[in-house]
Amino acid sequence: METIKLNINLSVNQLVEAVKQLSPKDRLKINDAIWNDNIEIPIEHQEIVLERKAKAKTNPERLLDWDEVSKKL
């Protein structure tokens, strides 16, 4: 396992540029480390999703087809 010791101040942009220089394999490791944390979704956000799912189920005609919408972007 490779280790890197750093004791420098970096801006977010500098950090992003440093990560871009890594191999795809190492970039994926960083991505996994960031996104595999157990991120708690606030109850308010969960409620919004549940509301939207319920609306979609009761009124499916209000839904848009992504393929058609993306063509208009």
PDB file of N, CA and C in Angstrom:
ATOM      1  N   MET A   1       0.841  -1.179   0.000  1.00  0.00           N
ATOM      2  CA  MET A   1       0.000   0.000   0.000  1.00  0.00           C
ATOM      3  C   MET A   1       0.881   1.236   0.000  1.00  0.00           C
ATOM      4  N   GLU A   2       0.585   2.153  -0.906  1.00  0.00           N
ATOM      5  CA  GLU A   2       1.334   3.388  -0.973  1.00  0.00           C
ATOM      6  C   GLU A   2       0.807   4.378   0.047  1.00  0.00           C
ATOM      7  N   THR A   3       1.693   5.124   0.640  1.00  0.00           N
ATOM      8  CA  THR A   3       1.259   6.193   1.538  1.00  0.00           C
ATOM      9  C   THR A   3       1.909   7.485   1.094  1.00  0.00           C
ATOM     10  N   ILE A   4       1.221   8.551   1.344  1.00  0.00           N
ATOM     11  CA  ILE A   4       1.719   9.877   1.007  1.00  0.00           C
ATOM     12  C   ILE A   4       1.589  10.734   2.249  1.00  0.00           C
ATOM     13  N   LYS A   5       2.662  11.361   2.661  1.00  0.00           N
ATOM     14  CA  LYS A   5       2.606  12.280   3.789  1.00  0.00           C
ATOM     15  C   LYS A   5       2.688  13.694   3.251  1.00  0.00           C
ATOM     16  N   LEU A   6       1.704  14.494   3.590  1.00  0.00           N
ATOM     17  CA  LEU A   6       1.667  15.883   3.159  1.00  0.00           C
ATOM     18  C   LEU A   6       1.445  16.774   4.367  1.00  0.00           C
ATOM     19  N   ASN A   7       2.137  17.867   4.399  1.00  0.00           N
ATOM     20  CA  ASN A   7       1.895  18.872   5.419  1.00  0.00           C
ATOM     21  C   ASN A   7       1.944  20.229   4.745  1.00  0.00           C
ATOM     22  N   ILE A   8       0.995  20.416   3.808  1.00  0.00           N
ATOM     23  CA  ILE A   8       0.951  21.651   3.041  1.00  0.00           C
ATOM     24  C   ILE A   8      -0.474  22.162   2.990  1.00  0.00           C
ATOM     25  N   ASN A   9      -0.598  23.447   2.799  1.00  0.00           N
ATOM     26  CA  ASN A   9      -1.915  24.054   2.642  1.00  0.00           C
ATOM     27  C   ASN A   9      -2.284  24.040   1.165  1.00  0.00           C
ATOM     28  N   LEU A  10      -3.452  23.531   0.861  1.00  0.00           N
ATOM     29  CA  LEU A  10      -3.941  23.489  -0.517  1.00  0.00           C
ATOM     30  C   LEU A  10      -5.325  24.104  -0.584  1.00  0.00           C
ATOM     31  N   SER A  11      -5.589  24.812  -1.658  1.00  0.00           N
ATOM     32  CA  SER A  11      -6.958  25.241  -1.913  1.00  0.00           C
ATOM     33  C   SER A  11      -7.704  24.030  -2.471  1.00  0.00           C
ATOM     34  N   VAL A  12      -8.998  24.107  -2.527  1.00  0.00           N
ATOM     35  CA  VAL A  12      -9.786  23.014  -3.097  1.00  0.00           C
ATOM     36  C   VAL A  12      -9.382  22.804  -4.555  1.00  0.00           C
ATOM     37  N   ASN A  13      -9.197  23.893  -5.294  1.00  0.00           N
ATOM     38  CA  ASN A  13      -8.806  23.762  -6.699  1.00  0.00           C
ATOM     39  C   ASN A  13      -7.453  23.077  -6.845  1.00  0.00           C
ATOM     40  N   GLN A  14      -6.529  23.405  -5.968  1.00  0.00           N
ATOM     41  CA  GLN A  14      -5.217  22.761  -6.023  1.00  0.00           C
ATOM     42  C   GLN A  14      -5.327  21.275  -5.700  1.00  0.00           C
ATOM     43  N   LEU A  15      -6.171  20.952  -4.741  1.00  0.00           N
ATOM     44  CA  LEU A  15      -6.375  19.550  -4.389  1.00  0.00           C
ATOM     45  C   LEU A  15      -6.979  18.786  -5.558  1.00  0.00           C
ATOM     46  N   VAL A  16      -7.966  19.383  -6.208  1.00  0.00           N
ATOM     47  CA  VAL A  16      -8.589  18.750  -7.373  1.00  0.00           C
ATOM     48  C   VAL A  16      -7.550  18.520  -8.458  1.00  0.00           C
ATOM     49  N   GLU A  17      -6.707  19.499  -8.713  1.00  0.00           N
ATOM     50  CA  GLU A  17      -5.671  19.339  -9.726  1.00  0.00           C
ATOM     51  C   GLU A  17      -4.694  18.234  -9.349  1.00  0.00           C
ATOM     52  N   ALA A  18      -4.367  18.115  -8.063  1.00  0.00           N
ATOM     53  CA  ALA A  18      -3.461  17.056  -7.614  1.00  0.00           C
ATOM     54  C   ALA A  18      -4.107  15.679  -7.820  1.00  0.00           C
ATOM     55  N   VAL A  19      -5.389  15.572  -7.502  1.00  0.00           N
ATOM     56  CA  VAL A  19      -6.095  14.297  -7.664  1.00  0.00           C
ATOM     57  C   VAL A  19      -6.178  13.913  -9.134  1.00  0.00           C
ATOM     58  N   LYS A  20      -6.347  14.898 -10.004  1.00  0.00           N
ATOM     59  CA  LYS A  20      -6.419  14.616 -11.438  1.00  0.00           C
ATOM     60  C   LYS A  20      -5.129  13.994 -11.969  1.00  0.00           C
ATOM     61  N   GLN A  21      -4.032  14.206 -11.270  1.00  0.00           N
ATOM     62  CA  GLN A  21      -2.754  13.660 -11.703  1.00  0.00           C
ATOM     63  C   GLN A  21      -2.569  12.200 -11.289  1.00  0.00           C
ATOM     64  N   LEU A  22      -3.457  11.687 -10.453  1.00  0.00           N
ATOM     65  CA  LEU A  22      -3.358  10.299 -10.006  1.00  0.00           C
ATOM     66  C   LEU A  22      -3.824   9.350 -11.098  1.00  0.00           C
ATOM     67  N   SER A  23      -3.470   8.098 -10.932  1.00  0.00           N
ATOM     68  CA  SER A  23      -3.930   7.078 -11.872  1.00  0.00           C
ATOM     69  C   SER A  23      -5.436   6.888 -11.694  1.00  0.00           C
ATOM     70  N   PRO A  24      -6.111   6.381 -12.709  1.00  0.00           N
ATOM     71  CA  PRO A  24      -7.551   6.120 -12.571  1.00  0.00           C
ATOM     72  C   PRO A  24      -7.857   5.223 -11.361  1.00  0.00           C
ATOM     73  N   LYS A  25      -7.019   4.238 -11.126  1.00  0.00           N
ATOM     74  CA  LYS A  25      -7.226   3.325 -10.003  1.00  0.00           C
ATOM     75  C   LYS A  25      -7.185   4.087  -8.675  1.00  0.00           C
ATOM     76  N   ASP A  26      -6.208   4.969  -8.515  1.00  0.00           N
ATOM     77  CA  ASP A  26      -6.100   5.737  -7.269  1.00  0.00           C
ATOM     78  C   ASP A  26      -7.216   6.769  -7.141  1.00  0.00           C
ATOM     79  N   ARG A  27      -7.642   7.334  -8.279  1.00  0.00           N
ATOM     80  CA  ARG A  27      -8.766   8.276  -8.234  1.00  0.00           C
ATOM     81  C   ARG A  27     -10.032   7.566  -7.779  1.00  0.00           C
ATOM     82  N   LEU A  28     -10.234   6.332  -8.240  1.00  0.00           N
ATOM     83  CA  LEU A  28     -11.398   5.561  -7.796  1.00  0.00           C
ATOM     84  C   LEU A  28     -11.327   5.263  -6.303  1.00  0.00           C
ATOM     85  N   LYS A  29     -10.123   4.991  -5.809  1.00  0.00           N
ATOM     86  CA  LYS A  29      -9.973   4.749  -4.370  1.00  0.00           C
ATOM     87  C   LYS A  29     -10.397   5.979  -3.571  1.00  0.00           C
ATOM     88  N   ILE A  30      -9.992   7.147  -4.045  1.00  0.00           N
ATOM     89  CA  ILE A  30     -10.377   8.384  -3.360  1.00  0.00           C
ATOM     90  C   ILE A  30     -11.882   8.589  -3.433  1.00  0.00           C
ATOM     91  N   ASN A  31     -12.445   8.351  -4.600  1.00  0.00           N
ATOM     92  CA  ASN A  31     -13.892   8.473  -4.762  1.00  0.00           C
ATOM     93  C   ASN A  31     -14.623   7.541  -3.798  1.00  0.00           C
ATOM     94  N   ASP A  32     -14.184   6.296  -3.720  1.00  0.00           N
ATOM     95  CA  ASP A  32     -14.813   5.336  -2.809  1.00  0.00           C
ATOM     96  C   ASP A  32     -14.682   5.772  -1.368  1.00  0.00           C
ATOM     97  N   ALA A  33     -13.518   6.291  -0.999  1.00  0.00           N
ATOM     98  CA  ALA A  33     -13.308   6.733   0.379  1.00  0.00           C
ATOM     99  C   ALA A  33     -14.238   7.884   0.752  1.00  0.00           C
ATOM    100  N   ILE A  34     -14.475   8.768  -0.216  1.00  0.00           N
ATOM    101  CA  ILE A  34     -15.345   9.916   0.051  1.00  0.00           C
ATOM    102  C   ILE A  34     -16.807   9.492   0.122  1.00  0.00           C
ATOM    103  N   TRP A  35     -17.257   8.687  -0.843  1.00  0.00           N
ATOM    104  CA  TRP A  35     -18.679   8.400  -0.969  1.00  0.00           C
ATOM    105  C   TRP A  35     -19.144   7.152  -0.243  1.00  0.00           C
ATOM    106  N   ASN A  36     -18.241   6.349   0.276  1.00  0.00           N
ATOM    107  CA  ASN A  36     -18.669   5.161   1.012  1.00  0.00           C
ATOM    108  C   ASN A  36     -18.897   5.428   2.487  1.00  0.00           C
ATOM    109  N   ASP A  37     -18.705   6.673   2.898  1.00  0.00           N
ATOM    110  CA  ASP A  37     -19.034   7.020   4.273  1.00  0.00           C
ATOM    111  C   ASP A  37     -20.538   6.870   4.453  1.00  0.00           C
ATOM    112  N   ASN A  38     -20.928   6.563   5.641  1.00  0.00           N
ATOM    113  CA  ASN A  38     -22.363   6.468   5.926  1.00  0.00           C
ATOM    114  C   ASN A  38     -22.914   7.879   6.076  1.00  0.00           C
ATOM    115  N   ILE A  39     -23.364   8.417   4.961  1.00  0.00           N
ATOM    116  CA  ILE A  39     -23.910   9.771   4.964  1.00  0.00           C
ATOM    117  C   ILE A  39     -25.377   9.677   5.344  1.00  0.00           C
ATOM    118  N   GLU A  40     -25.735  10.414   6.366  1.00  0.00           N
ATOM    119  CA  GLU A  40     -27.130  10.403   6.792  1.00  0.00           C
ATOM    120  C   GLU A  40     -27.920  11.421   5.993  1.00  0.00           C
ATOM    121  N   ILE A  41     -29.013  10.972   5.426  1.00  0.00           N
ATOM    122  CA  ILE A  41     -29.887  11.859   4.663  1.00  0.00           C
ATOM    123  C   ILE A  41     -30.892  12.449   5.636  1.00  0.00           C
ATOM    124  N   PRO A  42     -30.964  13.786   5.707  1.00  0.00           N
ATOM    125  CA  PRO A  42     -31.902  14.413   6.647  1.00  0.00           C
ATOM    126  C   PRO A  42     -33.334  13.944   6.408  1.00  0.00           C
ATOM    127  N   ILE A  43     -34.082  13.833   7.477  1.00  0.00           N
ATOM    128  CA  ILE A  43     -35.488  13.401   7.422  1.00  0.00           C
ATOM    129  C   ILE A  43     -36.270  14.280   6.448  1.00  0.00           C
ATOM    130  N   GLU A  44     -36.003  15.585   6.480  1.00  0.00           N
ATOM    131  CA  GLU A  44     -36.728  16.505   5.592  1.00  0.00           C
ATOM    132  C   GLU A  44     -36.528  16.131   4.125  1.00  0.00           C
ATOM    133  N   HIS A  45     -35.308  15.734   3.775  1.00  0.00           N
ATOM    134  CA  HIS A  45     -35.027  15.346   2.389  1.00  0.00           C
ATOM    135  C   HIS A  45     -35.711  14.022   2.050  1.00  0.00           C
ATOM    136  N   GLN A  46     -35.710  13.115   3.004  1.00  0.00           N
ATOM    137  CA  GLN A  46     -36.390  11.834   2.794  1.00  0.00           C
ATOM    138  C   GLN A  46     -37.886  12.055   2.562  1.00  0.00           C
ATOM    139  N   GLU A  47     -38.460  12.976   3.333  1.00  0.00           N
ATOM    140  CA  GLU A  47     -39.893  13.265   3.195  1.00  0.00           C
ATOM    141  C   GLU A  47     -40.210  13.857   1.823  1.00  0.00           C
ATOM    142  N   ILE A  48     -39.335  14.716   1.321  1.00  0.00           N
ATOM    143  CA  ILE A  48     -39.532  15.307  -0.003  1.00  0.00           C
ATOM    144  C   ILE A  48     -39.538  14.216  -1.072  1.00  0.00           C
ATOM    145  N   VAL A  49     -38.605  13.286  -0.973  1.00  0.00           N
ATOM    146  CA  VAL A  49     -38.535  12.191  -1.949  1.00  0.00           C
ATOM    147  C   VAL A  49     -39.794  11.338  -1.872  1.00  0.00           C
ATOM    148  N   LEU A  50     -40.216  11.007  -0.668  1.00  0.00           N
ATOM    149  CA  LEU A  50     -41.431  10.192  -0.513  1.00  0.00           C
ATOM    150  C   LEU A  50     -42.655  10.908  -1.074  1.00  0.00           C
ATOM    151  N   GLU A  51     -42.745  12.224  -0.845  1.00  0.00           N
ATOM    152  CA  GLU A  51     -43.851  13.018  -1.396  1.00  0.00           C
ATOM    153  C   GLU A  51     -43.857  12.958  -2.922  1.00  0.00           C
ATOM    154  N   ARG A  52     -42.685  13.140  -3.498  1.00  0.00           N
ATOM    155  CA  ARG A  52     -42.577  13.143  -4.958  1.00  0.00           C
ATOM    156  C   ARG A  52     -42.907  11.775  -5.539  1.00  0.00           C
ATOM    157  N   LYS A  53     -42.484  10.710  -4.853  1.00  0.00           N
ATOM    158  CA  LYS A  53     -42.809   9.365  -5.327  1.00  0.00           C
ATOM    159  C   LYS A  53     -44.319   9.133  -5.282  1.00  0.00           C
ATOM    160  N   ALA A  54     -44.953   9.616  -4.212  1.00  0.00           N
ATOM    161  CA  ALA A  54     -46.398   9.451  -4.083  1.00  0.00           C
ATOM    162  C   ALA A  54     -47.126  10.216  -5.188  1.00  0.00           C
ATOM    163  N   LYS A  55     -46.675  11.449  -5.466  1.00  0.00           N
ATOM    164  CA  LYS A  55     -47.291  12.242  -6.534  1.00  0.00           C
ATOM    165  C   LYS A  55     -47.117  11.562  -7.881  1.00  0.00           C
ATOM    166  N   ALA A  56     -45.951  10.997  -8.119  1.00  0.00           N
ATOM    167  CA  ALA A  56     -45.696  10.317  -9.391  1.00  0.00           C
ATOM    168  C   ALA A  56     -46.575   9.087  -9.529  1.00  0.00           C
ATOM    169  N   LYS A  57     -46.796   8.412  -8.427  1.00  0.00           N
ATOM    170  CA  LYS A  57     -47.621   7.197  -8.469  1.00  0.00           C
ATOM    171  C   LYS A  57     -49.083   7.531  -8.718  1.00  0.00           C
ATOM    172  N   THR A  58     -49.569   8.612  -8.113  1.00  0.00           N
ATOM    173  CA  THR A  58     -50.979   8.963  -8.281  1.00  0.00           C
ATOM    174  C   THR A  58     -51.247   9.712  -9.588  1.00  0.00           C
ATOM    175  N   ASN A  59     -50.230  10.384 -10.130  1.00  0.00           N
ATOM    176  CA  ASN A  59     -50.385  11.133 -11.382  1.00  0.00           C
ATOM    177  C   ASN A  59     -49.229  10.827 -12.333  1.00  0.00           C
ATOM    178  N   PRO A  60     -49.161   9.620 -12.863  1.00  0.00           N
ATOM    179  CA  PRO A  60     -48.022   9.266 -13.727  1.00  0.00           C
ATOM    180  C   PRO A  60     -47.938  10.108 -15.002  1.00  0.00           C
ATOM    181  N   GLU A  61     -49.046  10.720 -15.408  1.00  0.00           N
ATOM    182  CA  GLU A  61     -49.044  11.531 -16.627  1.00  0.00           C
ATOM    183  C   GLU A  61     -48.211  12.810 -16.461  1.00  0.00           C
ATOM    184  N   ARG A  62     -47.927  13.202 -15.221  1.00  0.00           N
ATOM    185  CA  ARG A  62     -47.135  14.413 -14.994  1.00  0.00           C
ATOM    186  C   ARG A  62     -45.636  14.163 -15.159  1.00  0.00           C
ATOM    187  N   LEU A  63     -45.246  12.894 -15.274  1.00  0.00           N
ATOM    188  CA  LEU A  63     -43.837  12.562 -15.422  1.00  0.00           C
ATOM    189  C   LEU A  63     -43.375  12.799 -16.856  1.00  0.00           C
ATOM    190  N   LEU A  64     -42.121  13.180 -16.998  1.00  0.00           N
ATOM    191  CA  LEU A  64     -41.538  13.427 -18.311  1.00  0.00           C
ATOM    192  C   LEU A  64     -40.536  12.331 -18.637  1.00  0.00           C
ATOM    193  N   ASP A  65     -40.438  11.998 -19.900  1.00  0.00           N
ATOM    194  CA  ASP A  65     -39.488  11.001 -20.361  1.00  0.00           C
ATOM    195  C   ASP A  65     -38.108  11.645 -20.454  1.00  0.00           C
ATOM    196  N   TRP A  66     -37.119  11.083 -19.748  1.00  0.00           N
ATOM    197  CA  TRP A  66     -35.796  11.687 -19.701  1.00  0.00           C
ATOM    198  C   TRP A  66     -35.156  11.802 -21.084  1.00  0.00           C
ATOM    199  N   ASP A  67     -35.301  10.792 -21.916  1.00  0.00           N
ATOM    200  CA  ASP A  67     -34.694  10.838 -23.247  1.00  0.00           C
ATOM    201  C   ASP A  67     -35.219  12.028 -24.044  1.00  0.00           C
ATOM    202  N   GLU A  68     -36.505  12.300 -23.934  1.00  0.00           N
ATOM    203  CA  GLU A  68     -37.086  13.418 -24.664  1.00  0.00           C
ATOM    204  C   GLU A  68     -36.672  14.748 -24.058  1.00  0.00           C
ATOM    205  N   VAL A  69     -36.648  14.829 -22.751  1.00  0.00           N
ATOM    206  CA  VAL A  69     -36.248  16.063 -22.082  1.00  0.00           C
ATOM    207  C   VAL A  69     -34.792  16.383 -22.383  1.00  0.00           C
ATOM    208  N   SER A  70     -33.927  15.385 -22.333  1.00  0.00           N
ATOM    209  CA  SER A  70     -32.500  15.631 -22.546  1.00  0.00           C
ATOM    210  C   SER A  70     -32.201  16.129 -23.952  1.00  0.00           C
ATOM    211  N   LYS A  71     -33.039  15.777 -24.920  1.00  0.00           N
ATOM    212  CA  LYS A  71     -32.857  16.272 -26.294  1.00  0.00           C
ATOM    213  C   LYS A  71     -33.091  17.771 -26.386  1.00  0.00           C
ATOM    214  N   LYS A  72     -33.921  18.296 -25.479  1.00  0.00           N
ATOM    215  CA  LYS A  72     -34.257  19.718 -25.514  1.00  0.00           C
ATOM    216  C   LYS A  72     -33.244  20.577 -24.760  1.00  0.00           C
ATOM    217  N   LEU A  73     -32.341  19.936 -24.052  1.00  0.00           N
ATOM    218  CA  LEU A  73     -31.369  20.704 -23.277  1.00  0.00           C
ATOM    219  C   LEU A  73     -30.252  21.251 -24.125  1.00  0.00           C
TER     220      LEU A  73
END
